[in-house]
Amino acid sequence: MFTGLVEEVGEIVAVEPQADAVRLLVRGPRVTADARHGDSIAVDGVCLTVTTLDGDVFGADVVAESLKRSSLGDLVAGTPVNLERAMTPQTRFGGHIVQGHVDGTGTLLDRTPSEHWEVLRFGVPETLTRYLVEKGSITINGTSLTVVDVIDGSEPSFTVSLIPTTLAETTLGALPTGARVNLEVDVLAKYVERLLAKGAIHG
């Protein structure tokens, strides 16, 4: 379980192909400071298990399902990534409930800068639009954000506003137009949908 509050921007050191997976070697001085074998660390919003530790570099295996559902397959050595350790009972819960289970990928369509913030618009798979509501929560590359607008239609999209801190302390500040991002919708919305489908909630 995570909060979506990125702790540091790390760097991909190496991508090692496996038979049906890849092993990522990731540099992150802050997240490795107290890391142990078996710990969970979110890499661009994907929950991965620490399998090796070498100084400030940790290794994690990414299976085929995660590669299919996320943008981790696009990573190469030198790519910056958002990193967050799993939350503890003592963690300040300043974001929202983030599982690290990516629901799909989106694409940055455009950026609109202003004096104090920047509005980013992302294309989103139609299958995820029903979980998006204005002022609701969305996780983009592991960053907890608030949805500003939801644009329905033949090419659905949504917008978020990024404050200077988010622009400076996550990879979203330098994200180029056309880049793929990992999206995780609010898990509470999925539970409500499931309960309604089963008739467990009555008016």
N, C-alpha and C. Protein backbone atom coordinates (compact mmCIF):
# COMPACT_ATOMS: atom_id res chain seq x y z
N MET A 1 0.84 -1.19 0.00
CA MET A 1 0.00 0.00 0.00
C MET A 1 0.88 1.25 0.00
N PHE A 2 0.47 2.24 -0.81
CA PHE A 2 1.23 3.47 -0.95
C PHE A 2 0.31 4.68 -0.79
N THR A 3 0.91 5.86 -0.76
CA THR A 3 0.11 7.08 -0.63
C THR A 3 0.08 7.91 -1.91
N GLY A 4 0.99 7.63 -2.84
CA GLY A 4 1.08 8.44 -4.04
C GLY A 4 1.89 9.71 -3.84
N LEU A 5 2.58 9.82 -2.70
CA LEU A 5 3.49 10.94 -2.46
C LEU A 5 4.90 10.48 -2.79
N VAL A 6 5.41 10.90 -3.93
CA VAL A 6 6.72 10.45 -4.42
C VAL A 6 7.81 10.90 -3.46
N GLU A 7 8.69 9.96 -3.08
CA GLU A 7 9.77 10.27 -2.14
C GLU A 7 11.02 10.81 -2.84
N GLU A 8 11.27 10.30 -4.02
CA GLU A 8 12.43 10.80 -4.77
C GLU A 8 12.31 10.36 -6.22
N VAL A 9 13.03 11.07 -7.07
CA VAL A 9 13.16 10.67 -8.47
C VAL A 9 14.45 9.86 -8.58
N GLY A 10 14.30 8.56 -8.88
CA GLY A 10 15.45 7.70 -9.05
C GLY A 10 15.83 7.58 -10.51
N GLU A 11 16.70 6.61 -10.78
CA GLU A 11 17.19 6.43 -12.15
C GLU A 11 17.34 4.95 -12.45
N ILE A 12 16.92 4.56 -13.66
CA ILE A 12 17.14 3.19 -14.11
C ILE A 12 18.62 3.02 -14.45
N VAL A 13 19.25 2.08 -13.77
CA VAL A 13 20.67 1.81 -14.00
C VAL A 13 20.85 0.81 -15.13
N ALA A 14 19.99 -0.20 -15.15
CA ALA A 14 20.08 -1.23 -16.20
C ALA A 14 18.75 -1.95 -16.32
N VAL A 15 18.50 -2.47 -17.51
CA VAL A 15 17.33 -3.31 -17.79
C VAL A 15 17.87 -4.63 -18.32
N GLU A 16 17.66 -5.69 -17.53
CA GLU A 16 18.21 -7.00 -17.88
C GLU A 16 17.09 -7.94 -18.33
N PRO A 17 17.05 -8.30 -19.62
CA PRO A 17 16.00 -9.20 -20.10
C PRO A 17 16.10 -10.58 -19.46
N GLN A 18 14.94 -11.15 -19.11
CA GLN A 18 14.84 -12.51 -18.60
C GLN A 18 14.03 -13.33 -19.62
N ALA A 19 13.78 -14.58 -19.32
CA ALA A 19 13.06 -15.45 -20.25
C ALA A 19 11.68 -14.88 -20.59
N ASP A 20 10.89 -14.53 -19.57
CA ASP A 20 9.56 -13.99 -19.80
C ASP A 20 9.32 -12.77 -18.91
N ALA A 21 10.38 -12.05 -18.61
CA ALA A 21 10.30 -10.89 -17.73
C ALA A 21 11.54 -10.03 -17.95
N VAL A 22 11.66 -8.97 -17.14
CA VAL A 22 12.89 -8.18 -17.13
C VAL A 22 13.27 -7.90 -15.68
N ARG A 23 14.54 -7.70 -15.45
CA ARG A 23 15.00 -7.27 -14.13
C ARG A 23 15.46 -5.82 -14.25
N LEU A 24 14.88 -4.97 -13.40
CA LEU A 24 15.27 -3.58 -13.37
C LEU A 24 16.26 -3.35 -12.24
N LEU A 25 17.32 -2.62 -12.52
CA LEU A 25 18.23 -2.14 -11.50
C LEU A 25 18.00 -0.63 -11.40
N VAL A 26 17.62 -0.20 -10.19
CA VAL A 26 17.17 1.18 -9.99
C VAL A 26 17.98 1.85 -8.90
N ARG A 27 18.49 3.04 -9.18
CA ARG A 27 19.21 3.80 -8.16
C ARG A 27 18.24 4.74 -7.44
N GLY A 28 18.23 4.62 -6.10
CA GLY A 28 17.38 5.47 -5.28
C GLY A 28 17.94 5.56 -3.88
N PRO A 29 18.80 6.54 -3.60
CA PRO A 29 19.45 6.64 -2.29
C PRO A 29 18.48 6.71 -1.12
N ARG A 30 17.38 7.42 -1.28
CA ARG A 30 16.45 7.58 -0.15
C ARG A 30 15.67 6.29 0.10
N VAL A 31 15.12 5.67 -0.96
CA VAL A 31 14.27 4.50 -0.75
C VAL A 31 15.08 3.26 -0.37
N THR A 32 16.38 3.27 -0.65
CA THR A 32 17.22 2.12 -0.28
C THR A 32 17.87 2.29 1.09
N ALA A 33 17.69 3.45 1.71
CA ALA A 33 18.36 3.73 2.98
C ALA A 33 18.03 2.71 4.05
N ASP A 34 16.79 2.23 4.06
CA ASP A 34 16.38 1.22 5.04
C ASP A 34 15.75 0.00 4.38
N ALA A 35 15.99 -0.16 3.07
CA ALA A 35 15.37 -1.25 2.32
C ALA A 35 15.98 -2.60 2.67
N ARG A 36 15.13 -3.62 2.59
CA ARG A 36 15.57 -4.99 2.81
C ARG A 36 15.01 -5.88 1.70
N HIS A 37 15.60 -7.02 1.54
CA HIS A 37 15.11 -7.99 0.57
C HIS A 37 13.64 -8.31 0.86
N GLY A 38 12.80 -8.24 -0.18
CA GLY A 38 11.39 -8.52 -0.03
C GLY A 38 10.51 -7.31 0.20
N ASP A 39 11.13 -6.15 0.43
CA ASP A 39 10.34 -4.93 0.61
C ASP A 39 9.67 -4.53 -0.70
N SER A 40 8.60 -3.71 -0.58
CA SER A 40 7.89 -3.20 -1.75
C SER A 40 8.28 -1.75 -2.01
N ILE A 41 8.59 -1.46 -3.26
CA ILE A 41 8.88 -0.10 -3.69
C ILE A 41 8.12 0.15 -4.98
N ALA A 42 7.39 1.26 -5.04
CA ALA A 42 6.66 1.61 -6.26
C ALA A 42 7.61 2.33 -7.21
N VAL A 43 7.69 1.81 -8.43
CA VAL A 43 8.52 2.40 -9.48
C VAL A 43 7.57 2.93 -10.56
N ASP A 44 7.49 4.24 -10.68
CA ASP A 44 6.52 4.88 -11.58
C ASP A 44 5.11 4.32 -11.34
N GLY A 45 4.81 4.07 -10.07
CA GLY A 45 3.46 3.65 -9.71
C GLY A 45 3.21 2.16 -9.74
N VAL A 46 4.22 1.36 -10.08
CA VAL A 46 4.07 -0.09 -10.12
C VAL A 46 4.75 -0.69 -8.89
N CYS A 47 4.00 -1.43 -8.10
CA CYS A 47 4.55 -2.06 -6.90
C CYS A 47 5.49 -3.20 -7.30
N LEU A 48 6.77 -3.07 -6.93
CA LEU A 48 7.76 -4.09 -7.23
C LEU A 48 8.42 -4.56 -5.94
N THR A 49 8.92 -5.78 -5.97
CA THR A 49 9.55 -6.39 -4.80
C THR A 49 11.07 -6.32 -4.94
N VAL A 50 11.72 -5.83 -3.90
CA VAL A 50 13.18 -5.76 -3.90
C VAL A 50 13.76 -7.17 -3.85
N THR A 51 14.57 -7.51 -4.85
CA THR A 51 15.19 -8.83 -4.91
C THR A 51 16.70 -8.77 -4.67
N THR A 52 17.31 -7.63 -4.96
CA THR A 52 18.74 -7.46 -4.71
C THR A 52 18.99 -6.05 -4.20
N LEU A 53 20.07 -5.89 -3.43
CA LEU A 53 20.48 -4.58 -2.94
C LEU A 53 21.99 -4.46 -3.08
N ASP A 54 22.44 -3.36 -3.64
CA ASP A 54 23.87 -3.10 -3.79
C ASP A 54 24.09 -1.60 -3.60
N GLY A 55 24.36 -1.21 -2.36
CA GLY A 55 24.49 0.21 -2.07
C GLY A 55 23.15 0.90 -2.24
N ASP A 56 23.12 1.94 -3.10
CA ASP A 56 21.87 2.67 -3.32
C ASP A 56 21.12 2.17 -4.55
N VAL A 57 21.45 0.97 -5.03
CA VAL A 57 20.79 0.38 -6.20
C VAL A 57 20.05 -0.88 -5.77
N PHE A 58 18.78 -0.96 -6.14
CA PHE A 58 18.02 -2.18 -5.87
C PHE A 58 17.58 -2.82 -7.17
N GLY A 59 17.41 -4.13 -7.12
CA GLY A 59 16.92 -4.88 -8.27
C GLY A 59 15.51 -5.35 -8.02
N ALA A 60 14.71 -5.41 -9.09
CA ALA A 60 13.33 -5.88 -9.00
C ALA A 60 12.96 -6.55 -10.31
N ASP A 61 12.25 -7.67 -10.22
CA ASP A 61 11.82 -8.40 -11.40
C ASP A 61 10.42 -7.95 -11.81
N VAL A 62 10.23 -7.73 -13.10
CA VAL A 62 8.94 -7.30 -13.65
C VAL A 62 8.42 -8.39 -14.56
N VAL A 63 7.30 -9.00 -14.18
CA VAL A 63 6.76 -10.12 -14.93
C VAL A 63 5.99 -9.63 -16.15
N ALA A 64 5.62 -10.56 -17.01
CA ALA A 64 4.98 -10.23 -18.28
C ALA A 64 3.68 -9.45 -18.09
N GLU A 65 2.87 -9.81 -17.10
CA GLU A 65 1.60 -9.10 -16.86
C GLU A 65 1.84 -7.63 -16.54
N SER A 66 2.83 -7.34 -15.73
CA SER A 66 3.14 -5.94 -15.39
C SER A 66 3.68 -5.19 -16.61
N LEU A 67 4.46 -5.86 -17.42
CA LEU A 67 4.97 -5.23 -18.63
C LEU A 67 3.84 -4.90 -19.60
N LYS A 68 2.85 -5.79 -19.65
CA LYS A 68 1.71 -5.59 -20.56
C LYS A 68 0.83 -4.44 -20.11
N ARG A 69 0.62 -4.30 -18.81
CA ARG A 69 -0.32 -3.32 -18.28
C ARG A 69 0.30 -1.96 -18.00
N SER A 70 1.62 -1.87 -18.00
CA SER A 70 2.27 -0.63 -17.60
C SER A 70 3.25 -0.16 -18.67
N SER A 71 3.89 0.96 -18.37
CA SER A 71 4.90 1.51 -19.28
C SER A 71 6.31 1.09 -18.90
N LEU A 72 6.44 0.15 -17.94
CA LEU A 72 7.79 -0.24 -17.51
C LEU A 72 8.60 -0.87 -18.64
N GLY A 73 7.91 -1.44 -19.62
CA GLY A 73 8.62 -2.01 -20.76
C GLY A 73 9.31 -0.97 -21.63
N ASP A 74 8.95 0.31 -21.43
CA ASP A 74 9.57 1.39 -22.21
C ASP A 74 10.87 1.89 -21.58
N LEU A 75 11.16 1.45 -20.35
CA LEU A 75 12.30 2.00 -19.62
C LEU A 75 13.63 1.53 -20.21
N VAL A 76 14.60 2.44 -20.19
CA VAL A 76 15.97 2.13 -20.60
C VAL A 76 16.90 2.74 -19.56
N ALA A 77 18.15 2.32 -19.59
CA ALA A 77 19.13 2.87 -18.65
C ALA A 77 19.17 4.39 -18.77
N GLY A 78 19.14 5.05 -17.63
CA GLY A 78 19.18 6.51 -17.61
C GLY A 78 17.82 7.17 -17.46
N THR A 79 16.75 6.39 -17.60
CA THR A 79 15.40 6.95 -17.48
C THR A 79 15.11 7.32 -16.02
N PRO A 80 14.63 8.54 -15.75
CA PRO A 80 14.22 8.89 -14.39
C PRO A 80 12.88 8.26 -14.05
N VAL A 81 12.70 7.84 -12.80
CA VAL A 81 11.46 7.20 -12.37
C VAL A 81 11.07 7.71 -10.99
N ASN A 82 9.77 7.78 -10.74
CA ASN A 82 9.26 8.15 -9.43
C ASN A 82 9.33 6.95 -8.49
N LEU A 83 9.80 7.17 -7.27
CA LEU A 83 9.97 6.09 -6.31
C LEU A 83 9.26 6.41 -5.00
N GLU A 84 8.62 5.38 -4.43
CA GLU A 84 8.00 5.51 -3.11
C GLU A 84 8.04 4.17 -2.39
N ARG A 85 8.48 4.19 -1.14
CA ARG A 85 8.44 2.98 -0.32
C ARG A 85 7.00 2.73 0.14
N ALA A 86 6.70 1.46 0.45
CA ALA A 86 5.39 1.13 0.98
C ALA A 86 5.16 1.88 2.28
N MET A 87 3.91 2.27 2.52
CA MET A 87 3.59 3.04 3.72
C MET A 87 3.65 2.15 4.95
N THR A 88 3.85 2.79 6.10
CA THR A 88 3.86 2.10 7.39
C THR A 88 2.73 2.67 8.24
N PRO A 89 2.42 2.03 9.39
CA PRO A 89 1.37 2.59 10.27
C PRO A 89 1.69 3.99 10.76
N GLN A 90 2.98 4.38 10.72
CA GLN A 90 3.37 5.70 11.20
C GLN A 90 3.42 6.75 10.09
N THR A 91 3.17 6.33 8.84
CA THR A 91 3.29 7.23 7.70
C THR A 91 2.17 8.27 7.71
N ARG A 92 2.52 9.53 7.41
CA ARG A 92 1.49 10.53 7.20
C ARG A 92 0.75 10.20 5.90
N PHE A 93 -0.58 10.08 5.99
CA PHE A 93 -1.36 9.67 4.83
C PHE A 93 -1.85 10.91 4.09
N GLY A 94 -0.94 11.53 3.34
CA GLY A 94 -1.26 12.80 2.69
C GLY A 94 -1.79 12.68 1.28
N GLY A 95 -1.72 11.50 0.67
CA GLY A 95 -2.21 11.34 -0.69
C GLY A 95 -3.57 10.65 -0.69
N HIS A 96 -3.67 9.49 -1.35
CA HIS A 96 -4.87 8.67 -1.27
C HIS A 96 -4.44 7.21 -1.34
N ILE A 97 -5.37 6.29 -1.19
CA ILE A 97 -5.02 4.87 -1.18
C ILE A 97 -4.53 4.45 -2.56
N VAL A 98 -3.26 4.06 -2.63
CA VAL A 98 -2.64 3.63 -3.88
C VAL A 98 -2.11 2.22 -3.68
N GLN A 99 -2.52 1.30 -4.54
CA GLN A 99 -2.11 -0.09 -4.40
C GLN A 99 -0.83 -0.43 -5.15
N GLY A 100 -0.50 0.37 -6.16
CA GLY A 100 0.63 0.03 -7.00
C GLY A 100 0.26 -1.00 -8.06
N HIS A 101 -1.05 -1.16 -8.29
CA HIS A 101 -1.56 -2.07 -9.31
C HIS A 101 -2.11 -1.23 -10.46
N VAL A 102 -1.32 -1.09 -11.51
CA VAL A 102 -1.67 -0.21 -12.63
C VAL A 102 -2.87 -0.76 -13.39
N ASP A 103 -3.83 0.13 -13.69
CA ASP A 103 -5.04 -0.28 -14.42
C ASP A 103 -4.87 -0.14 -15.92
N GLY A 104 -3.93 0.66 -16.35
CA GLY A 104 -3.69 0.85 -17.78
C GLY A 104 -2.74 2.01 -17.99
N THR A 105 -2.49 2.34 -19.23
CA THR A 105 -1.60 3.46 -19.54
C THR A 105 -2.36 4.56 -20.25
N GLY A 106 -1.90 5.78 -20.05
CA GLY A 106 -2.43 6.93 -20.75
C GLY A 106 -1.31 7.62 -21.51
N THR A 107 -1.65 8.69 -22.21
CA THR A 107 -0.67 9.43 -23.02
C THR A 107 -0.81 10.92 -22.74
N LEU A 108 0.31 11.58 -22.50
CA LEU A 108 0.28 13.03 -22.31
C LEU A 108 -0.02 13.69 -23.65
N LEU A 109 -1.16 14.38 -23.72
CA LEU A 109 -1.58 15.01 -24.96
C LEU A 109 -1.08 16.44 -25.10
N ASP A 110 -1.13 17.20 -24.02
CA ASP A 110 -0.62 18.57 -24.09
C ASP A 110 -0.42 19.13 -22.69
N ARG A 111 0.36 20.20 -22.63
CA ARG A 111 0.67 20.90 -21.38
C ARG A 111 0.31 22.37 -21.56
N THR A 112 -0.35 22.95 -20.56
CA THR A 112 -0.70 24.36 -20.61
C THR A 112 -0.09 25.05 -19.39
N PRO A 113 1.00 25.76 -19.58
CA PRO A 113 1.66 26.41 -18.43
C PRO A 113 0.97 27.71 -18.05
N SER A 114 1.09 28.06 -16.78
CA SER A 114 0.66 29.37 -16.30
C SER A 114 1.73 29.87 -15.34
N GLU A 115 1.45 30.94 -14.65
CA GLU A 115 2.49 31.55 -13.82
C GLU A 115 2.90 30.66 -12.65
N HIS A 116 1.92 30.01 -12.01
CA HIS A 116 2.23 29.27 -10.79
C HIS A 116 1.94 27.77 -10.87
N TRP A 117 1.36 27.30 -11.93
CA TRP A 117 1.08 25.87 -12.05
C TRP A 117 1.02 25.51 -13.53
N GLU A 118 0.80 24.26 -13.80
CA GLU A 118 0.71 23.78 -15.19
C GLU A 118 -0.39 22.75 -15.28
N VAL A 119 -1.19 22.85 -16.32
CA VAL A 119 -2.29 21.90 -16.54
C VAL A 119 -1.84 20.89 -17.59
N LEU A 120 -1.93 19.61 -17.24
CA LEU A 120 -1.57 18.53 -18.15
C LEU A 120 -2.83 17.77 -18.54
N ARG A 121 -2.96 17.45 -19.82
CA ARG A 121 -4.11 16.68 -20.31
C ARG A 121 -3.62 15.33 -20.82
N PHE A 122 -4.27 14.28 -20.34
CA PHE A 122 -3.88 12.92 -20.68
C PHE A 122 -5.01 12.20 -21.41
N GLY A 123 -4.67 11.51 -22.47
CA GLY A 123 -5.60 10.59 -23.09
C GLY A 123 -5.71 9.35 -22.23
N VAL A 124 -6.90 8.78 -22.16
CA VAL A 124 -7.15 7.66 -21.25
C VAL A 124 -7.95 6.58 -21.96
N PRO A 125 -7.68 5.30 -21.71
CA PRO A 125 -8.49 4.25 -22.32
C PRO A 125 -9.96 4.41 -21.92
N GLU A 126 -10.85 4.18 -22.85
CA GLU A 126 -12.28 4.35 -22.59
C GLU A 126 -12.76 3.47 -21.43
N THR A 127 -12.10 2.32 -21.24
CA THR A 127 -12.50 1.41 -20.17
C THR A 127 -12.29 2.00 -18.78
N LEU A 128 -11.46 3.04 -18.67
CA LEU A 128 -11.18 3.64 -17.37
C LEU A 128 -11.96 4.92 -17.11
N THR A 129 -12.62 5.45 -18.13
CA THR A 129 -13.27 6.75 -17.96
C THR A 129 -14.38 6.72 -16.92
N ARG A 130 -15.03 5.58 -16.73
CA ARG A 130 -16.14 5.53 -15.77
C ARG A 130 -15.66 5.69 -14.32
N TYR A 131 -14.37 5.56 -14.09
CA TYR A 131 -13.83 5.72 -12.74
C TYR A 131 -13.34 7.15 -12.48
N LEU A 132 -13.40 8.00 -13.48
CA LEU A 132 -12.87 9.35 -13.35
C LEU A 132 -14.00 10.34 -13.07
N VAL A 133 -13.84 11.14 -12.03
CA VAL A 133 -14.80 12.19 -11.71
C VAL A 133 -14.04 13.45 -11.34
N GLU A 134 -14.65 14.59 -11.61
CA GLU A 134 -14.02 15.84 -11.24
C GLU A 134 -13.78 15.89 -9.73
N LYS A 135 -12.59 16.31 -9.36
CA LYS A 135 -12.12 16.40 -7.98
C LYS A 135 -11.89 15.02 -7.35
N GLY A 136 -11.95 13.97 -8.18
CA GLY A 136 -11.61 12.64 -7.69
C GLY A 136 -10.11 12.40 -7.77
N SER A 137 -9.68 11.25 -7.28
CA SER A 137 -8.25 10.93 -7.23
C SER A 137 -7.82 10.07 -8.41
N ILE A 138 -6.60 10.29 -8.86
CA ILE A 138 -5.98 9.48 -9.92
C ILE A 138 -4.49 9.41 -9.60
N THR A 139 -3.89 8.27 -9.90
CA THR A 139 -2.44 8.13 -9.72
C THR A 139 -1.79 8.08 -11.09
N ILE A 140 -0.85 8.98 -11.34
CA ILE A 140 -0.14 9.05 -12.61
C ILE A 140 1.34 8.83 -12.33
N ASN A 141 1.89 7.75 -12.86
CA ASN A 141 3.29 7.39 -12.61
C ASN A 141 3.62 7.45 -11.12
N GLY A 142 2.68 6.94 -10.32
CA GLY A 142 2.91 6.86 -8.89
C GLY A 142 2.65 8.12 -8.12
N THR A 143 2.15 9.18 -8.78
CA THR A 143 1.90 10.46 -8.14
C THR A 143 0.41 10.64 -7.90
N SER A 144 0.01 10.85 -6.66
CA SER A 144 -1.38 11.09 -6.32
C SER A 144 -1.80 12.48 -6.76
N LEU A 145 -2.82 12.55 -7.63
CA LEU A 145 -3.27 13.83 -8.17
C LEU A 145 -4.78 13.91 -8.15
N THR A 146 -5.29 15.12 -8.30
CA THR A 146 -6.72 15.37 -8.32
C THR A 146 -7.16 15.68 -9.75
N VAL A 147 -8.21 15.00 -10.20
CA VAL A 147 -8.75 15.24 -11.54
C VAL A 147 -9.43 16.60 -11.57
N VAL A 148 -9.09 17.41 -12.58
CA VAL A 148 -9.72 18.72 -12.74
C VAL A 148 -10.94 18.60 -13.64
N ASP A 149 -10.73 18.13 -14.86
CA ASP A 149 -11.83 17.97 -15.82
C ASP A 149 -11.77 16.58 -16.44
N VAL A 150 -12.93 16.05 -16.77
CA VAL A 150 -13.04 14.80 -17.52
C VAL A 150 -13.68 15.13 -18.85
N ILE A 151 -13.00 14.80 -19.95
CA ILE A 151 -13.49 15.11 -21.28
C ILE A 151 -13.92 13.81 -21.95
N ASP A 152 -15.22 13.62 -22.12
CA ASP A 152 -15.73 12.43 -22.78
C ASP A 152 -15.77 12.65 -24.29
N GLY A 153 -16.05 11.58 -25.02
CA GLY A 153 -16.12 11.68 -26.47
C GLY A 153 -15.35 10.56 -27.13
N SER A 154 -15.07 10.72 -28.43
CA SER A 154 -14.38 9.67 -29.17
C SER A 154 -12.94 9.48 -28.71
N GLU A 155 -12.33 10.55 -28.17
CA GLU A 155 -10.98 10.48 -27.63
C GLU A 155 -11.00 10.99 -26.20
N PRO A 156 -11.43 10.15 -25.25
CA PRO A 156 -11.57 10.61 -23.86
C PRO A 156 -10.23 11.04 -23.27
N SER A 157 -10.31 12.03 -22.39
CA SER A 157 -9.11 12.54 -21.73
C SER A 157 -9.50 13.17 -20.40
N PHE A 158 -8.51 13.54 -19.63
CA PHE A 158 -8.74 14.24 -18.38
C PHE A 158 -7.57 15.17 -18.12
N THR A 159 -7.78 16.13 -17.23
CA THR A 159 -6.72 17.08 -16.92
C THR A 159 -6.40 17.06 -15.43
N VAL A 160 -5.17 17.42 -15.11
CA VAL A 160 -4.73 17.61 -13.73
C VAL A 160 -3.90 18.89 -13.69
N SER A 161 -3.90 19.54 -12.53
CA SER A 161 -3.07 20.74 -12.33
C SER A 161 -1.90 20.38 -11.44
N LEU A 162 -0.70 20.76 -11.85
CA LEU A 162 0.50 20.46 -11.09
C LEU A 162 1.07 21.73 -10.48
N ILE A 163 1.27 21.71 -9.17
CA ILE A 163 1.88 22.83 -8.48
C ILE A 163 3.40 22.77 -8.66
N PRO A 164 4.11 23.86 -8.36
CA PRO A 164 5.56 23.86 -8.56
C PRO A 164 6.29 22.71 -7.87
N THR A 165 5.85 22.32 -6.65
CA THR A 165 6.51 21.24 -5.94
C THR A 165 6.42 19.94 -6.72
N THR A 166 5.23 19.63 -7.25
CA THR A 166 5.06 18.40 -8.03
C THR A 166 5.88 18.45 -9.32
N LEU A 167 5.91 19.61 -9.96
CA LEU A 167 6.69 19.76 -11.19
C LEU A 167 8.18 19.55 -10.92
N ALA A 168 8.64 20.01 -9.76
CA ALA A 168 10.07 19.94 -9.46
C ALA A 168 10.50 18.61 -8.87
N GLU A 169 9.60 17.93 -8.14
CA GLU A 169 10.02 16.77 -7.36
C GLU A 169 9.49 15.44 -7.89
N THR A 170 8.89 15.43 -9.08
CA THR A 170 8.49 14.19 -9.74
C THR A 170 8.91 14.25 -11.20
N THR A 171 8.79 13.15 -11.89
CA THR A 171 9.16 13.12 -13.31
C THR A 171 8.13 13.83 -14.18
N LEU A 172 6.98 14.17 -13.63
CA LEU A 172 5.93 14.80 -14.44
C LEU A 172 6.32 16.19 -14.90
N GLY A 173 7.25 16.83 -14.19
CA GLY A 173 7.67 18.17 -14.59
C GLY A 173 8.35 18.22 -15.95
N ALA A 174 9.06 17.16 -16.30
CA ALA A 174 9.79 17.12 -17.57
C ALA A 174 9.19 16.13 -18.56
N LEU A 175 7.99 15.64 -18.26
CA LEU A 175 7.37 14.63 -19.13
C LEU A 175 7.07 15.22 -20.50
N PRO A 176 7.56 14.60 -21.58
CA PRO A 176 7.31 15.16 -22.91
C PRO A 176 5.94 14.76 -23.45
N THR A 177 5.39 15.60 -24.30
CA THR A 177 4.13 15.28 -24.96
C THR A 177 4.29 13.98 -25.76
N GLY A 178 3.29 13.11 -25.63
CA GLY A 178 3.33 11.82 -26.31
C GLY A 178 3.83 10.69 -25.44
N ALA A 179 4.35 11.01 -24.26
CA ALA A 179 4.88 9.98 -23.37
C ALA A 179 3.75 9.15 -22.78
N ARG A 180 4.01 7.86 -22.60
CA ARG A 180 3.06 6.97 -21.93
C ARG A 180 3.24 7.07 -20.43
N VAL A 181 2.13 6.99 -19.71
CA VAL A 181 2.18 7.04 -18.25
C VAL A 181 1.34 5.92 -17.67
N ASN A 182 1.69 5.51 -16.45
CA ASN A 182 0.92 4.49 -15.75
C ASN A 182 -0.23 5.15 -14.99
N LEU A 183 -1.42 4.57 -15.12
CA LEU A 183 -2.61 5.09 -14.47
C LEU A 183 -3.18 4.07 -13.50
N GLU A 184 -3.47 4.52 -12.30
CA GLU A 184 -4.21 3.70 -11.34
C GLU A 184 -5.39 4.52 -10.85
N VAL A 185 -6.61 4.03 -11.11
CA VAL A 185 -7.80 4.75 -10.67
C VAL A 185 -8.04 4.47 -9.19
N ASP A 186 -8.95 5.23 -8.60
CA ASP A 186 -9.26 5.09 -7.18
C ASP A 186 -9.88 3.72 -6.93
N VAL A 187 -9.26 2.92 -6.07
CA VAL A 187 -9.74 1.57 -5.81
C VAL A 187 -11.14 1.60 -5.20
N LEU A 188 -11.49 2.66 -4.48
CA LEU A 188 -12.82 2.73 -3.88
C LEU A 188 -13.90 2.75 -4.97
N ALA A 189 -13.62 3.40 -6.09
CA ALA A 189 -14.58 3.43 -7.19
C ALA A 189 -14.81 2.04 -7.76
N LYS A 190 -13.76 1.25 -7.82
CA LYS A 190 -13.90 -0.11 -8.35
C LYS A 190 -14.71 -0.99 -7.41
N TYR A 191 -14.52 -0.82 -6.11
CA TYR A 191 -15.30 -1.59 -5.15
C TYR A 191 -16.78 -1.22 -5.22
N VAL A 192 -17.07 0.08 -5.34
CA VAL A 192 -18.46 0.51 -5.44
C VAL A 192 -19.11 -0.06 -6.69
N GLU A 193 -18.39 -0.02 -7.81
CA GLU A 193 -18.92 -0.58 -9.05
C GLU A 193 -19.24 -2.06 -8.89
N ARG A 194 -18.36 -2.79 -8.25
CA ARG A 194 -18.56 -4.22 -8.05
C ARG A 194 -19.77 -4.50 -7.18
N LEU A 195 -19.91 -3.73 -6.10
CA LEU A 195 -21.04 -3.91 -5.19
C LEU A 195 -22.36 -3.59 -5.88
N LEU A 196 -22.37 -2.53 -6.68
CA LEU A 196 -23.58 -2.17 -7.40
C LEU A 196 -23.96 -3.25 -8.41
N ALA A 197 -22.95 -3.80 -9.08
CA ALA A 197 -23.20 -4.84 -10.08
C ALA A 197 -23.81 -6.08 -9.44
N LYS A 198 -23.42 -6.35 -8.19
CA LYS A 198 -23.92 -7.52 -7.48
C LYS A 198 -25.20 -7.23 -6.71
N GLY A 199 -25.67 -5.99 -6.79
CA GLY A 199 -26.90 -5.65 -6.07
C GLY A 199 -26.75 -5.58 -4.58
N ALA A 200 -25.51 -5.34 -4.13
CA ALA A 200 -25.27 -5.32 -2.68
C ALA A 200 -25.61 -3.98 -2.05
N ILE A 201 -25.79 -2.93 -2.87
CA ILE A 201 -26.15 -1.62 -2.36
C ILE A 201 -27.56 -1.29 -2.80
N HIS A 202 -28.41 -0.98 -1.88
CA HIS A 202 -29.82 -0.68 -2.19
C HIS A 202 -30.13 0.76 -1.81
N GLY A 203 -30.95 1.40 -2.61
CA GLY A 203 -31.33 2.77 -2.32
C GLY A 203 -32.37 2.85 -1.20
